C-alpha atoms as a PDB file:
ATOM      1  CA  GLN A   1      -2.964  14.913  -7.944  1.00  0.00           C
ATOM      2  CA  SER A   2       0.363  13.556  -6.729  1.00  0.00           C
ATOM      3  CA  ASN A   3      -0.806  12.922  -3.164  1.00  0.00           C
ATOM      4  CA  LEU A   4      -3.816  10.729  -3.793  1.00  0.00           C
ATOM      5  CA  PRO A   5      -4.846   8.792  -0.666  1.00  0.00           C
ATOM      6  CA  ASN A   6      -4.609   5.223  -2.015  1.00  0.00           C
ATOM      7  CA  PHE A   7      -3.117   2.109  -0.463  1.00  0.00           C
ATOM      8  CA  ILE A   8       0.173   2.246  -2.386  1.00  0.00           C
ATOM      9  CA  ALA A   9       0.768   5.545  -0.548  1.00  0.00           C
ATOM     10  CA  ALA A  10      -0.339   4.269   2.877  1.00  0.00           C
ATOM     11  CA  ASP A  11       1.527   2.757   5.814  1.00  0.00           C
ATOM     12  CA  PRO A  12       0.346  -0.021   8.130  1.00  0.00           C
ATOM     13  CA  PRO A  13      -2.183  -0.466   9.653  1.00  0.00           C
ATOM     14  CA  VAL A  14      -4.260   1.260   6.917  1.00  0.00           C
ATOM     15  CA  HIS A  15      -2.216  -0.296   4.107  1.00  0.00           C
ATOM     16  CA  THR A  16      -2.398  -3.768   5.677  1.00  0.00           C
ATOM     17  CA  ALA A  17      -6.173  -3.665   6.063  1.00  0.00           C
ATOM     18  CA  GLN A  18      -6.870  -2.264   2.582  1.00  0.00           C
ATOM     19  CA  ARG A  19      -4.465  -4.603   0.806  1.00  0.00           C
ATOM     20  CA  LYS A  20      -6.098  -7.576   2.556  1.00  0.00           C
ATOM     21  CA  VAL A  21      -9.317  -6.652   0.776  1.00  0.00           C
ATOM     22  CA  ILE A  22      -7.695  -6.534  -2.679  1.00  0.00           C
ATOM     23  CA  ALA A  23      -5.216  -9.438  -2.404  1.00  0.00           C
ATOM     24  CA  PRO A  24      -7.669 -12.402  -2.498  1.00  0.00           C
ATOM     25  CA  ALA A  25      -8.714 -11.380  -6.023  1.00  0.00           C
ATOM     26  CA  PHE A  26      -5.179 -12.418  -7.065  1.00  0.00           C
ATOM     27  CA  ASN A  27      -4.824 -15.686  -5.131  1.00  0.00           C
ATOM     28  CA  PRO A  28      -3.713 -18.901  -6.924  1.00  0.00           C
ATOM     29  CA  SER A  29      -7.197 -20.352  -7.480  1.00  0.00           C
ATOM     30  CA  GLN A  30      -8.387 -17.028  -8.926  1.00  0.00           C
ATOM     31  CA  MET A  31      -5.294 -16.879 -11.137  1.00  0.00           C
ATOM     32  CA  ALA A  32      -5.947 -20.381 -12.499  1.00  0.00           C
ATOM     33  CA  GLU A  33      -9.373 -19.163 -13.626  1.00  0.00           C
ATOM     34  CA  ARG A  34      -7.970 -15.916 -15.044  1.00  0.00           C
ATOM     35  CA  GLU A  35      -5.311 -17.820 -16.974  1.00  0.00           C
ATOM     36  CA  LYS A  36      -7.956 -19.697 -18.976  1.00  0.00           C
ATOM     37  CA  VAL A  37      -9.635 -16.438 -19.947  1.00  0.00           C
ATOM     38  CA  VAL A  38      -6.321 -14.758 -20.793  1.00  0.00           C
ATOM     39  CA  ARG A  39      -5.407 -17.666 -23.117  1.00  0.00           C
ATOM     40  CA  GLN A  40      -8.734 -17.644 -24.869  1.00  0.00           C
ATOM     41  CA  ARG A  41      -8.810 -13.865 -25.341  1.00  0.00           C
ATOM     42  CA  THR A  42      -5.203 -13.689 -26.526  1.00  0.00           C
ATOM     43  CA  ARG A  43      -5.826 -16.450 -29.073  1.00  0.00           C
ATOM     44  CA  GLU A  44      -8.983 -14.791 -30.378  1.00  0.00           C
ATOM     45  CA  LEU A  45      -7.237 -11.424 -30.609  1.00  0.00           C
ATOM     46  CA  PHE A  46      -4.355 -12.891 -32.637  1.00  0.00           C
ATOM     47  CA  ASP A  47      -6.793 -14.730 -34.926  1.00  0.00           C
ATOM     48  CA  ALA A  48      -8.308 -11.367 -35.815  1.00  0.00           C
ATOM     49  CA  LEU A  49      -5.060  -9.454 -36.461  1.00  0.00           C
ATOM     50  CA  PRO A  50      -4.373  -8.537 -40.112  1.00  0.00           C
ATOM     51  CA  ALA A  51      -1.483 -10.560 -41.583  1.00  0.00           C
ATOM     52  CA  GLY A  52       1.018  -8.555 -43.599  1.00  0.00           C
ATOM     53  CA  GLU A  53      -0.793  -5.230 -43.063  1.00  0.00           C
ATOM     54  CA  THR A  54       0.397  -2.363 -40.877  1.00  0.00           C
ATOM     55  CA  PHE A  55      -1.491  -1.846 -37.630  1.00  0.00           C
ATOM     56  CA  ASP A  56      -0.859  -0.193 -34.244  1.00  0.00           C
ATOM     57  CA  TRP A  57       0.399  -2.788 -31.736  1.00  0.00           C
ATOM     58  CA  VAL A  58      -0.424  -0.575 -28.735  1.00  0.00           C
ATOM     59  CA  GLU A  59      -4.024   0.032 -29.791  1.00  0.00           C
ATOM     60  CA  SER A  60      -4.705  -3.412 -31.247  1.00  0.00           C
ATOM     61  CA  VAL A  61      -2.872  -5.710 -28.826  1.00  0.00           C
ATOM     62  CA  SER A  62      -1.413  -4.135 -25.659  1.00  0.00           C
ATOM     63  CA  VAL A  63      -4.448  -2.023 -24.750  1.00  0.00           C
ATOM     64  CA  PRO A  64      -7.279  -4.507 -25.426  1.00  0.00           C
ATOM     65  CA  LEU A  65      -5.499  -7.400 -23.677  1.00  0.00           C
ATOM     66  CA  THR A  66      -4.845  -5.402 -20.505  1.00  0.00           C
ATOM     67  CA  ILE A  67      -8.099  -3.411 -20.436  1.00  0.00           C
ATOM     68  CA  GLY A  68      -9.976  -6.651 -21.065  1.00  0.00           C
ATOM     69  CA  MET A  69      -8.463  -8.123 -17.914  1.00  0.00           C
ATOM     70  CA  LEU A  70      -9.484  -5.028 -15.935  1.00  0.00           C
ATOM     71  CA  CYS A  71     -13.071  -5.501 -17.110  1.00  0.00           C
ATOM     72  CA  ILE A  72     -12.944  -9.070 -15.771  1.00  0.00           C
ATOM     73  CA  LEU A  73     -11.399  -8.049 -12.434  1.00  0.00           C
ATOM     74  CA  PHE A  74     -14.005  -5.336 -11.898  1.00  0.00           C
ATOM     75  CA  ASP A  75     -16.831  -7.221 -13.604  1.00  0.00           C
ATOM     76  CA  PHE A  76     -17.122  -4.049 -15.687  1.00  0.00           C
ATOM     77  CA  PRO A  77     -19.008  -3.862 -19.008  1.00  0.00           C
ATOM     78  CA  TRP A  78     -16.673  -4.613 -21.954  1.00  0.00           C
ATOM     79  CA  GLU A  79     -18.492  -2.068 -24.126  1.00  0.00           C
ATOM     80  CA  GLU A  80     -17.316   0.666 -21.719  1.00  0.00           C
ATOM     81  CA  ARG A  81     -13.647  -0.345 -21.985  1.00  0.00           C
ATOM     82  CA  HIS A  82     -12.720   2.884 -23.828  1.00  0.00           C
ATOM     83  CA  ASP A  83     -13.734   4.856 -20.737  1.00  0.00           C
ATOM     84  CA  LEU A  84     -11.403   2.698 -18.617  1.00  0.00           C
ATOM     85  CA  LYS A  85      -8.520   3.367 -20.996  1.00  0.00           C
ATOM     86  CA  ARG A  86      -9.140   7.122 -20.982  1.00  0.00           C
ATOM     87  CA  TRP A  87      -9.378   7.271 -17.188  1.00  0.00           C
ATOM     88  CA  SER A  88      -6.238   5.173 -16.887  1.00  0.00           C
ATOM     89  CA  ASP A  89      -4.338   7.521 -19.204  1.00  0.00           C
ATOM     90  CA  TYR A  90      -5.470  10.516 -17.140  1.00  0.00           C
ATOM     91  CA  GLY A  91      -4.806   8.741 -13.854  1.00  0.00           C
ATOM     92  CA  GLY A  92      -1.208   7.869 -14.730  1.00  0.00           C
ATOM     93  CA  ASN A  93      -0.283  11.028 -16.617  1.00  0.00           C
ATOM     94  CA  VAL A  94       2.442  13.175 -15.075  1.00  0.00           C
ATOM     95  CA  SER A  95       3.773  14.650 -18.343  1.00  0.00           C
ATOM     96  CA  PRO A  96       4.575  18.382 -18.665  1.00  0.00           C
ATOM     97  CA  GLU A  97       1.076  19.198 -19.972  1.00  0.00           C
ATOM     98  CA  THR A  98      -0.412  18.396 -16.556  1.00  0.00           C
ATOM     99  CA  ALA A  99       0.925  21.673 -15.126  1.00  0.00           C
ATOM    100  CA  THR A 100      -1.677  23.878 -16.843  1.00  0.00           C
ATOM    101  CA  GLU A 101      -4.912  25.013 -15.208  1.00  0.00           C
ATOM    102  CA  GLU A 102      -6.902  23.769 -18.208  1.00  0.00           C
ATOM    103  CA  TYR A 103      -5.438  20.303 -17.857  1.00  0.00           C
ATOM    104  CA  ARG A 104      -6.105  20.175 -14.115  1.00  0.00           C
ATOM    105  CA  ALA A 105      -9.738  21.096 -14.721  1.00  0.00           C
ATOM    106  CA  GLU A 106     -10.056  18.374 -17.388  1.00  0.00           C
ATOM    107  CA  TRP A 107      -8.274  15.874 -15.112  1.00  0.00           C
ATOM    108  CA  MET A 108     -10.731  16.597 -12.319  1.00  0.00           C
ATOM    109  CA  ALA A 109     -13.682  16.284 -14.720  1.00  0.00           C
ATOM    110  CA  GLN A 110     -12.424  12.895 -15.958  1.00  0.00           C
ATOM    111  CA  MET A 111     -11.729  11.589 -12.445  1.00  0.00           C
ATOM    112  CA  THR A 112     -15.134  12.809 -11.233  1.00  0.00           C
ATOM    113  CA  ALA A 113     -16.824  10.998 -14.124  1.00  0.00           C
ATOM    114  CA  MET A 114     -14.822   7.872 -13.291  1.00  0.00           C
ATOM    115  CA  LEU A 115     -15.852   8.063  -9.628  1.00  0.00           C
ATOM    116  CA  ALA A 116     -19.521   8.547 -10.512  1.00  0.00           C
ATOM    117  CA  ARG A 117     -19.427   5.515 -12.815  1.00  0.00           C
ATOM    118  CA  PHE A 118     -17.738   3.331 -10.216  1.00  0.00           C
ATOM    119  CA  ASP A 119     -19.993   4.589  -7.426  1.00  0.00           C
ATOM    120  CA  ALA A 120     -22.949   3.323  -9.478  1.00  0.00           C
ATOM    121  CA  GLU A 121     -21.221  -0.074  -9.641  1.00  0.00           C
ATOM    122  CA  PHE A 122     -20.476   0.020  -5.898  1.00  0.00           C
ATOM    123  CA  ALA A 123     -24.152   0.730  -5.164  1.00  0.00           C
ATOM    124  CA  LYS A 124     -25.173  -2.210  -7.353  1.00  0.00           C
ATOM    125  CA  ARG A 125     -22.726  -4.544  -5.527  1.00  0.00           C
ATOM    126  CA  LYS A 126     -23.760  -3.298  -2.106  1.00  0.00           C
ATOM    127  CA  ALA A 127     -27.338  -4.396  -2.772  1.00  0.00           C
ATOM    128  CA  MET A 128     -26.178  -7.879  -3.741  1.00  0.00           C
ATOM    129  CA  PRO A 129     -24.427 -10.684  -1.818  1.00  0.00           C
ATOM    130  CA  PRO A 130     -20.587 -10.508  -1.895  1.00  0.00           C
ATOM    131  CA  THR A 131     -18.859 -12.004  -4.946  1.00  0.00           C
ATOM    132  CA  ASP A 132     -15.251 -12.396  -6.061  1.00  0.00           C
ATOM    133  CA  ASP A 133     -14.895  -9.278  -8.187  1.00  0.00           C
ATOM    134  CA  LEU A 134     -12.761  -6.459  -6.821  1.00  0.00           C
ATOM    135  CA  LEU A 135     -15.560  -3.898  -6.518  1.00  0.00           C
ATOM    136  CA  SER A 136     -17.705  -6.296  -4.518  1.00  0.00           C
ATOM    137  CA  ARG A 137     -14.758  -7.106  -2.257  1.00  0.00           C
ATOM    138  CA  MET A 138     -14.174  -3.395  -1.643  1.00  0.00           C
ATOM    139  CA  VAL A 139     -17.753  -2.395  -0.925  1.00  0.00           C
ATOM    140  CA  HIS A 140     -18.432  -5.362   1.395  1.00  0.00           C
ATOM    141  CA  SER A 141     -15.286  -4.830   3.492  1.00  0.00           C
ATOM    142  CA  ASP A 142     -14.682  -2.881   6.708  1.00  0.00           C
ATOM    143  CA  ALA A 143     -11.388  -1.453   5.438  1.00  0.00           C
ATOM    144  CA  MET A 144     -12.692  -0.094   2.115  1.00  0.00           C
ATOM    145  CA  GLY A 145     -16.471  -0.130   2.402  1.00  0.00           C
ATOM    146  CA  SER A 146     -16.783   3.415   3.713  1.00  0.00           C
ATOM    147  CA  LEU A 147     -13.975   5.386   2.039  1.00  0.00           C
ATOM    148  CA  ASN A 148     -14.571   9.074   1.401  1.00  0.00           C
ATOM    149  CA  PRO A 149     -14.916  10.195  -2.262  1.00  0.00           C
ATOM    150  CA  MET A 150     -11.248  11.186  -2.677  1.00  0.00           C
ATOM    151  CA  GLU A 151     -10.078   7.856  -1.201  1.00  0.00           C
ATOM    152  CA  ARG A 152     -12.427   5.952  -3.492  1.00  0.00           C
ATOM    153  CA  LEU A 153     -11.213   7.920  -6.499  1.00  0.00           C
ATOM    154  CA  ALA A 154      -7.572   7.389  -5.567  1.00  0.00           C
ATOM    155  CA  ASN A 155      -7.879   3.636  -5.062  1.00  0.00           C
ATOM    156  CA  ILE A 156      -9.852   3.134  -8.269  1.00  0.00           C
ATOM    157  CA  ALA A 157      -7.237   5.145 -10.192  1.00  0.00           C
ATOM    158  CA  LEU A 158      -4.470   3.048  -8.596  1.00  0.00           C
ATOM    159  CA  LEU A 159      -6.123  -0.243  -9.570  1.00  0.00           C
ATOM    160  CA  ILE A 160      -6.833   0.942 -13.120  1.00  0.00           C
ATOM    161  CA  VAL A 161      -3.359   2.376 -13.804  1.00  0.00           C
ATOM    162  CA  GLY A 162      -1.554  -0.431 -11.974  1.00  0.00           C
ATOM    163  CA  GLY A 163      -3.744  -3.013 -13.675  1.00  0.00           C
ATOM    164  CA  ASN A 164      -3.169  -2.010 -17.261  1.00  0.00           C
ATOM    165  CA  ASP A 165      -0.687   0.807 -18.046  1.00  0.00           C
ATOM    166  CA  THR A 166       2.179  -1.246 -16.655  1.00  0.00           C
ATOM    167  CA  THR A 167       1.578  -4.563 -18.429  1.00  0.00           C
ATOM    168  CA  ARG A 168       0.513  -2.640 -21.538  1.00  0.00           C
ATOM    169  CA  ASN A 169       3.990  -1.108 -21.742  1.00  0.00           C
ATOM    170  CA  SER A 170       5.764  -4.427 -21.181  1.00  0.00           C
ATOM    171  CA  MET A 171       3.695  -5.937 -24.021  1.00  0.00           C
ATOM    172  CA  SER A 172       4.798  -3.118 -26.306  1.00  0.00           C
ATOM    173  CA  GLY A 173       8.390  -3.275 -25.051  1.00  0.00           C
ATOM    174  CA  LEU A 174       8.424  -6.954 -26.003  1.00  0.00           C
ATOM    175  CA  VAL A 175       8.076  -6.063 -29.689  1.00  0.00           C
ATOM    176  CA  GLU A 176      10.964  -3.602 -29.457  1.00  0.00           C
ATOM    177  CA  ALA A 177      13.142  -6.100 -27.535  1.00  0.00           C
ATOM    178  CA  LEU A 178      12.537  -8.939 -30.028  1.00  0.00           C
ATOM    179  CA  HIS A 179      13.298  -6.574 -32.910  1.00  0.00           C
ATOM    180  CA  LEU A 180      16.582  -5.411 -31.344  1.00  0.00           C
ATOM    181  CA  TYR A 181      17.534  -8.979 -30.306  1.00  0.00           C
ATOM    182  CA  PRO A 182      15.960 -11.238 -32.960  1.00  0.00           C
ATOM    183  CA  ALA A 183      17.971 -14.298 -31.931  1.00  0.00           C
ATOM    184  CA  GLU A 184      16.034 -14.366 -28.641  1.00  0.00           C
ATOM    185  CA  LEU A 185      12.854 -15.381 -30.464  1.00  0.00           C
ATOM    186  CA  GLU A 186      14.748 -18.312 -31.996  1.00  0.00           C
ATOM    187  CA  ARG A 187      15.897 -19.332 -28.504  1.00  0.00           C
ATOM    188  CA  LEU A 188      12.284 -19.320 -27.299  1.00  0.00           C
ATOM    189  CA  ARG A 189      11.163 -21.400 -30.275  1.00  0.00           C
ATOM    190  CA  ALA A 190      13.937 -23.904 -29.602  1.00  0.00           C
ATOM    191  CA  ASP A 191      13.145 -24.028 -25.874  1.00  0.00           C
ATOM    192  CA  PRO A 192       9.649 -22.827 -24.886  1.00  0.00           C
ATOM    193  CA  SER A 193      10.433 -23.604 -21.229  1.00  0.00           C
ATOM    194  CA  LEU A 194      12.291 -20.234 -21.274  1.00  0.00           C
ATOM    195  CA  ILE A 195       9.029 -18.326 -21.804  1.00  0.00           C
ATOM    196  CA  PRO A 196       8.256 -17.628 -18.106  1.00  0.00           C
ATOM    197  CA  ASN A 197      11.800 -16.315 -17.676  1.00  0.00           C
ATOM    198  CA  ALA A 198      11.415 -14.201 -20.815  1.00  0.00           C
ATOM    199  CA  ALA A 199       8.307 -12.627 -19.251  1.00  0.00           C
ATOM    200  CA  GLN A 200      10.395 -11.606 -16.218  1.00  0.00           C
ATOM    201  CA  GLU A 201      13.179 -10.349 -18.464  1.00  0.00           C
ATOM    202  CA  ILE A 202      10.888  -8.075 -20.490  1.00  0.00           C
ATOM    203  CA  ILE A 203       9.527  -6.581 -17.260  1.00  0.00           C
ATOM    204  CA  ARG A 204      13.126  -5.921 -16.155  1.00  0.00           C
ATOM    205  CA  TRP A 205      14.245  -4.664 -19.558  1.00  0.00           C
ATOM    206  CA  GLN A 206      11.263  -2.368 -20.097  1.00  0.00           C
ATOM    207  CA  SER A 207      10.715  -1.305 -16.452  1.00  0.00           C
ATOM    208  CA  PRO A 208       7.207   0.025 -17.121  1.00  0.00           C
ATOM    209  CA  VAL A 209       7.122   2.030 -13.870  1.00  0.00           C
ATOM    210  CA  THR A 210      10.121   4.362 -13.817  1.00  0.00           C
ATOM    211  CA  HIS A 211      10.099   5.336 -10.159  1.00  0.00           C
ATOM    212  CA  MET A 212       8.208   5.590  -6.890  1.00  0.00           C
ATOM    213  CA  ARG A 213       8.635   8.301  -4.267  1.00  0.00           C
ATOM    214  CA  ARG A 214       8.765   7.741  -0.522  1.00  0.00           C
ATOM    215  CA  THR A 215       9.310   9.865   2.614  1.00  0.00           C
ATOM    216  CA  CYS A 216      11.958   8.995   5.212  1.00  0.00           C
ATOM    217  CA  THR A 217      10.385   8.210   8.584  1.00  0.00           C
ATOM    218  CA  ARG A 218      13.706   8.596  10.406  1.00  0.00           C
ATOM    219  CA  ASP A 219      17.336   9.645   9.901  1.00  0.00           C
ATOM    220  CA  VAL A 220      19.387   6.919   8.266  1.00  0.00           C
ATOM    221  CA  GLU A 221      22.605   6.397   6.333  1.00  0.00           C
ATOM    222  CA  LEU A 222      22.150   4.470   3.080  1.00  0.00           C
ATOM    223  CA  GLY A 223      24.982   3.709   0.685  1.00  0.00           C
ATOM    224  CA  GLY A 224      27.118   6.392   2.263  1.00  0.00           C
ATOM    225  CA  GLN A 225      24.365   9.009   1.921  1.00  0.00           C
ATOM    226  CA  GLN A 226      22.829  10.691   4.956  1.00  0.00           C
ATOM    227  CA  LEU A 227      19.028  10.772   4.666  1.00  0.00           C
ATOM    228  CA  ARG A 228      16.989  12.885   7.099  1.00  0.00           C
ATOM    229  CA  GLN A 229      13.543  12.262   8.516  1.00  0.00           C
ATOM    230  CA  GLY A 230      10.903  13.928   6.331  1.00  0.00           C
ATOM    231  CA  GLU A 231      13.084  14.036   3.212  1.00  0.00           C
ATOM    232  CA  LYS A 232      11.660  12.666  -0.037  1.00  0.00           C
ATOM    233  CA  VAL A 233      13.529   9.820  -1.704  1.00  0.00           C
ATOM    234  CA  ILE A 234      13.000   8.512  -5.216  1.00  0.00           C
ATOM    235  CA  LEU A 235      13.341   4.824  -5.973  1.00  0.00           C
ATOM    236  CA  TRP A 236      14.520   4.587  -9.586  1.00  0.00           C
ATOM    237  CA  TYR A 237      13.330   1.118 -10.619  1.00  0.00           C
ATOM    238  CA  ILE A 238      14.542   1.752 -14.149  1.00  0.00           C
ATOM    239  CA  SER A 239      18.070   2.333 -12.841  1.00  0.00           C
ATOM    240  CA  ALA A 240      18.093  -0.645 -10.439  1.00  0.00           C
ATOM    241  CA  ASN A 241      16.975  -2.915 -13.289  1.00  0.00           C
ATOM    242  CA  ARG A 242      20.036  -1.806 -15.289  1.00  0.00           C
ATOM    243  CA  ASP A 243      22.468  -2.252 -12.388  1.00  0.00           C
ATOM    244  CA  GLU A 244      25.533  -3.885 -13.972  1.00  0.00           C
ATOM    245  CA  GLY A 245      26.552  -5.183 -10.541  1.00  0.00           C
ATOM    246  CA  VAL A 246      23.414  -7.340 -10.502  1.00  0.00           C
ATOM    247  CA  PHE A 247      22.640  -7.813 -14.206  1.00  0.00           C
ATOM    248  CA  PRO A 248      25.736  -8.237 -16.432  1.00  0.00           C
ATOM    249  CA  ASP A 249      25.202  -6.669 -19.884  1.00  0.00           C
ATOM    250  CA  ALA A 250      22.057  -5.128 -18.407  1.00  0.00           C
ATOM    251  CA  GLU A 251      21.077  -3.409 -21.669  1.00  0.00           C
ATOM    252  CA  VAL A 252      20.823  -6.779 -23.453  1.00  0.00           C
ATOM    253  CA  PHE A 253      17.436  -8.522 -23.609  1.00  0.00           C
ATOM    254  CA  ASP A 254      18.400 -12.081 -22.644  1.00  0.00           C
ATOM    255  CA  VAL A 255      15.541 -14.601 -22.320  1.00  0.00           C
ATOM    256  CA  GLY A 256      17.850 -17.012 -20.502  1.00  0.00           C
ATOM    257  CA  ARG A 257      19.128 -14.463 -17.972  1.00  0.00           C
ATOM    258  CA  ALA A 258      19.725 -16.513 -14.825  1.00  0.00           C
ATOM    259  CA  ASN A 259      18.525 -13.857 -12.373  1.00  0.00           C
ATOM    260  CA  ALA A 260      15.884 -12.045 -14.427  1.00  0.00           C
ATOM    261  CA  ARG A 261      13.480 -12.473 -11.497  1.00  0.00           C
ATOM    262  CA  ARG A 262      15.644 -10.220  -9.337  1.00  0.00           C
ATOM    263  CA  HIS A 263      14.234  -7.141 -11.076  1.00  0.00           C
ATOM    264  CA  VAL A 264      12.475  -4.598  -8.861  1.00  0.00           C
ATOM    265  CA  ALA A 265       9.855  -3.525 -11.411  1.00  0.00           C
ATOM    266  CA  PHE A 266       7.084  -4.825  -9.117  1.00  0.00           C
ATOM    267  CA  GLY A 267       8.473  -2.904  -6.159  1.00  0.00           C
ATOM    268  CA  HIS A 268       9.557  -4.643  -2.979  1.00  0.00           C
ATOM    269  CA  GLY A 269       8.384  -5.518   0.508  1.00  0.00           C
ATOM    270  CA  ILE A 270       4.853  -4.879   1.746  1.00  0.00           C
ATOM    271  CA  HIS A 271       4.047  -2.767  -1.331  1.00  0.00           C
ATOM    272  CA  ARG A 272       5.154  -5.360  -3.910  1.00  0.00           C
ATOM    273  CA  CYS A 273       2.653  -5.322  -6.774  1.00  0.00           C
ATOM    274  CA  VAL A 274      -0.468  -7.203  -5.743  1.00  0.00           C
ATOM    275  CA  GLY A 275      -1.177  -8.139  -9.386  1.00  0.00           C
ATOM    276  CA  ALA A 276       2.329  -9.357 -10.256  1.00  0.00           C
ATOM    277  CA  ARG A 277       1.223 -12.925 -10.978  1.00  0.00           C
ATOM    278  CA  LEU A 278      -1.516 -11.725 -13.302  1.00  0.00           C
ATOM    279  CA  ALA A 279       0.980  -9.573 -15.227  1.00  0.00           C
ATOM    280  CA  GLU A 280       3.247 -12.612 -15.609  1.00  0.00           C
ATOM    281  CA  ILE A 281       0.364 -14.744 -16.913  1.00  0.00           C
ATOM    282  CA  GLN A 282      -0.589 -12.085 -19.471  1.00  0.00           C
ATOM    283  CA  LEU A 283       2.992 -11.694 -20.715  1.00  0.00           C
ATOM    284  CA  CYS A 284       3.705 -15.448 -20.815  1.00  0.00           C
ATOM    285  CA  THR A 285       0.550 -15.985 -22.857  1.00  0.00           C
ATOM    286  CA  LEU A 286       1.472 -13.235 -25.309  1.00  0.00           C
ATOM    287  CA  ILE A 287       4.984 -14.630 -25.800  1.00  0.00           C
ATOM    288  CA  GLU A 288       3.570 -18.171 -26.226  1.00  0.00           C
ATOM    289  CA  GLU A 289       1.192 -16.942 -28.908  1.00  0.00           C
ATOM    290  CA  ILE A 290       4.035 -15.334 -30.912  1.00  0.00           C
ATOM    291  CA  VAL A 291       6.258 -18.409 -30.473  1.00  0.00           C
ATOM    292  CA  ASN A 292       3.560 -20.991 -31.288  1.00  0.00           C
ATOM    293  CA  ARG A 293       2.263 -19.174 -34.360  1.00  0.00           C
ATOM    294  CA  GLY A 294       5.712 -18.989 -35.946  1.00  0.00           C
ATOM    295  CA  ILE A 295       5.391 -15.264 -36.598  1.00  0.00           C
ATOM    296  CA  ARG A 296       7.481 -12.146 -36.175  1.00  0.00           C
ATOM    297  CA  VAL A 297       6.149  -8.724 -35.239  1.00  0.00           C
ATOM    298  CA  GLU A 298       8.152  -6.221 -37.281  1.00  0.00           C
ATOM    299  CA  PRO A 299       8.267  -2.435 -36.801  1.00  0.00           C
ATOM    300  CA  ALA A 300       6.540  -0.664 -39.695  1.00  0.00           C
ATOM    301  CA  GLY A 301       7.225   2.968 -38.858  1.00  0.00           C
ATOM    302  CA  ASP A 302       8.361   5.253 -36.058  1.00  0.00           C
ATOM    303  CA  VAL A 303       7.148   4.500 -32.548  1.00  0.00           C
ATOM    304  CA  GLU A 304       5.687   7.290 -30.432  1.00  0.00           C
ATOM    305  CA  ARG A 305       6.970   7.033 -26.883  1.00  0.00           C
ATOM    306  CA  LEU A 306       5.074   8.169 -23.818  1.00  0.00           C
ATOM    307  CA  ALA A 307       6.277  11.555 -22.540  1.00  0.00           C
ATOM    308  CA  SER A 308       6.328  10.728 -18.840  1.00  0.00           C
ATOM    309  CA  PRO A 309       8.878  10.572 -16.016  1.00  0.00           C
ATOM    310  CA  PHE A 310       6.660   8.040 -14.203  1.00  0.00           C
ATOM    311  CA  LEU A 311       5.598   5.431 -16.775  1.00  0.00           C
ATOM    312  CA  HIS A 312       8.019   4.091 -19.385  1.00  0.00           C
ATOM    313  CA  GLY A 313       6.073   3.139 -22.455  1.00  0.00           C
ATOM    314  CA  PHE A 314       4.581   3.729 -25.875  1.00  0.00           C
ATOM    315  CA  VAL A 315       1.628   5.642 -27.285  1.00  0.00           C
ATOM    316  CA  HIS A 316       1.791   4.258 -30.844  1.00  0.00           C
ATOM    317  CA  MET A 317       3.769   1.422 -32.405  1.00  0.00           C
ATOM    318  CA  PRO A 318       3.091   0.625 -36.079  1.00  0.00           C
ATOM    319  CA  VAL A 319       3.951  -3.006 -36.853  1.00  0.00           C
ATOM    320  CA  ARG A 320       3.409  -5.795 -39.380  1.00  0.00           C
ATOM    321  CA  ILE A 321       3.043  -9.502 -38.650  1.00  0.00           C
ATOM    322  CA  VAL A 322       5.207 -11.612 -40.930  1.00  0.00           C
ATOM    323  CA  PRO A 323       5.946 -15.365 -41.055  1.00  0.00           C
ATOM    324  CA  GLY A 324       8.688 -16.049 -38.575  1.00  0.00           C
END
């Protein structure tokens, strides 16, 4: 489960070739198209939210906005979105419950069902001329067109978890941040040009992916520590994003933070998140919607946090929308 053969866990040349297949789905012209859809869907979703009543922000806002984008990227049926969410939750789960035999069996059953469903989509795309959706790109490429079942499963799980769990948790973290630092919403209302920076700041502040693990390819000294070839190292994004040497008052959510973009929540180097721009668009649009509507999203009960050392997020978040 932890050593799935996907491109985030690959080195060049395999990583280079596979990422080249995925990356064009996130190029600027594609993003301009996606942005229109994100705006429309976010607006419609907010129009339908109950004013003054308690509802679950995670289930009603964070999940549908991010899963909806996955459906677009994959050209996947919207009515099957609940399957995507379930598979994503299984794919990204590394909580203590995963250690049991029963859980492993259920995990395998869920992942097998996911693979079967996507294989049906791959077969459909293979019979048709190439299009822009991710599944078509994969199946019509040399680098990803003939992956074995475990590689297909691993890469689908990566794209699903990376494409929604992460942004989902930043969208939920936003509500917590604006509640803890209410003056920041006033700053955004007074100066909406801060919104793109606020999107970066919530990604830094929330750090939806806690860590990544890598293996040393050679002996090296780093920060006074001797690291040996073959040793595992953990990159604690959540710690780097609170580094007081880089981010003064790192615990504070500051929409005007001058270097908010220096966060490492998207990773770094050749493995930097391929969907980073899409995440930014989704978060900017969400913040704009809250700012433009003159509303506040207030906690209306205890939040349930995700029990995971890998993803930093929320399972449930009861809230109420009130005039701002």
